[in-house]
Protein backbone atom coordinates (compact mmCIF):
# COMPACT_ATOMS: atom_id res chain seq x y z
CA MET A 1 7.22 -44.87 49.56
CA ALA A 2 9.14 -48.28 50.23
CA GLY A 3 7.80 -51.84 50.53
CA ALA A 4 9.56 -55.07 51.25
CA GLY A 5 9.55 -57.40 48.04
CA GLY A 6 10.61 -60.89 48.01
CA ASP A 7 14.18 -59.97 47.65
CA GLY A 8 14.88 -56.94 49.22
CA GLU A 9 13.52 -53.53 49.53
CA VAL A 10 11.27 -51.85 46.68
CA LEU A 11 10.90 -48.25 45.92
CA PHE A 12 7.60 -47.01 44.61
CA GLU A 13 6.67 -43.73 42.79
CA PHE A 14 3.18 -42.78 42.06
CA HIS A 15 2.32 -40.44 39.12
CA ARG A 16 -1.37 -39.64 38.37
CA VAL A 17 -1.78 -38.75 34.51
CA GLY A 18 -5.38 -37.87 34.18
CA ALA A 19 -7.58 -40.85 34.68
CA TYR A 20 -4.58 -43.03 35.08
CA MET A 21 -1.88 -43.91 37.67
CA LYS A 22 1.22 -44.62 36.73
CA ILE A 23 3.45 -46.66 39.40
CA VAL A 24 7.24 -46.93 39.12
CA ALA A 25 8.82 -50.03 41.10
CA ILE A 26 12.55 -49.70 41.66
CA ASP A 27 14.77 -52.26 43.37
CA GLY A 28 16.64 -50.79 46.12
CA LYS A 29 19.82 -52.86 45.69
CA THR A 30 20.29 -52.95 41.55
CA GLY A 31 18.47 -49.91 40.69
CA VAL A 32 16.30 -51.63 38.12
CA GLU A 33 12.85 -50.24 37.52
CA VAL A 34 10.05 -51.03 35.81
CA SER A 35 6.49 -49.29 35.49
CA VAL A 36 2.95 -50.37 35.21
CA VAL A 37 -0.19 -48.05 34.47
CA GLY A 38 -3.97 -48.77 35.59
CA PRO A 39 -7.04 -46.71 36.44
CA ALA A 40 -6.44 -43.89 39.23
CA THR A 41 -9.59 -44.80 40.92
CA GLY A 42 -8.45 -48.63 40.95
CA SER A 43 -6.50 -50.34 43.94
CA ALA A 44 -2.89 -49.05 44.50
CA GLU A 45 -2.28 -52.10 46.34
CA LEU A 46 -2.93 -54.19 43.05
CA LEU A 47 -0.96 -52.02 41.09
CA LYS A 48 1.86 -52.36 43.60
CA ARG A 49 1.81 -55.95 43.59
CA THR A 50 1.67 -55.81 39.62
CA ALA A 51 4.53 -53.62 39.45
CA VAL A 52 6.78 -56.01 41.76
CA ASN A 53 5.55 -58.97 39.86
CA LYS A 54 6.76 -57.27 36.70
CA LEU A 55 10.04 -56.09 38.42
CA ARG A 56 11.01 -59.82 39.57
CA PHE A 57 10.12 -60.82 36.12
CA VAL A 58 12.40 -58.54 34.50
CA GLN A 59 15.12 -59.35 36.99
CA SER A 60 14.85 -63.23 36.51
CA LYS A 61 14.82 -62.74 32.68
CA ASP A 62 17.97 -60.67 32.93
CA ALA A 63 19.69 -62.90 35.38
CA PRO A 64 22.31 -65.60 33.90
CA GLY A 65 20.48 -68.48 32.43
CA GLY A 66 17.26 -66.67 33.17
CA GLY A 67 14.25 -66.99 30.55
CA ARG A 68 15.80 -69.73 28.77
CA ARG A 69 14.07 -73.11 28.19
């Protein structure tokens, strides 16, 4: 499943593990991936947004000069 992120295509993988849903977000351009876990009965859209936010955070932290104050 693919969705449009702020900086390009983001691919999502959904894995149900018991009562939990694990969502992996992968940047289509760089291949950077992160995962988040939440209740399987919860909102998939909320988990996707959380995963995209985490992905963007990790990418900004890895960028030159990123994450430094």
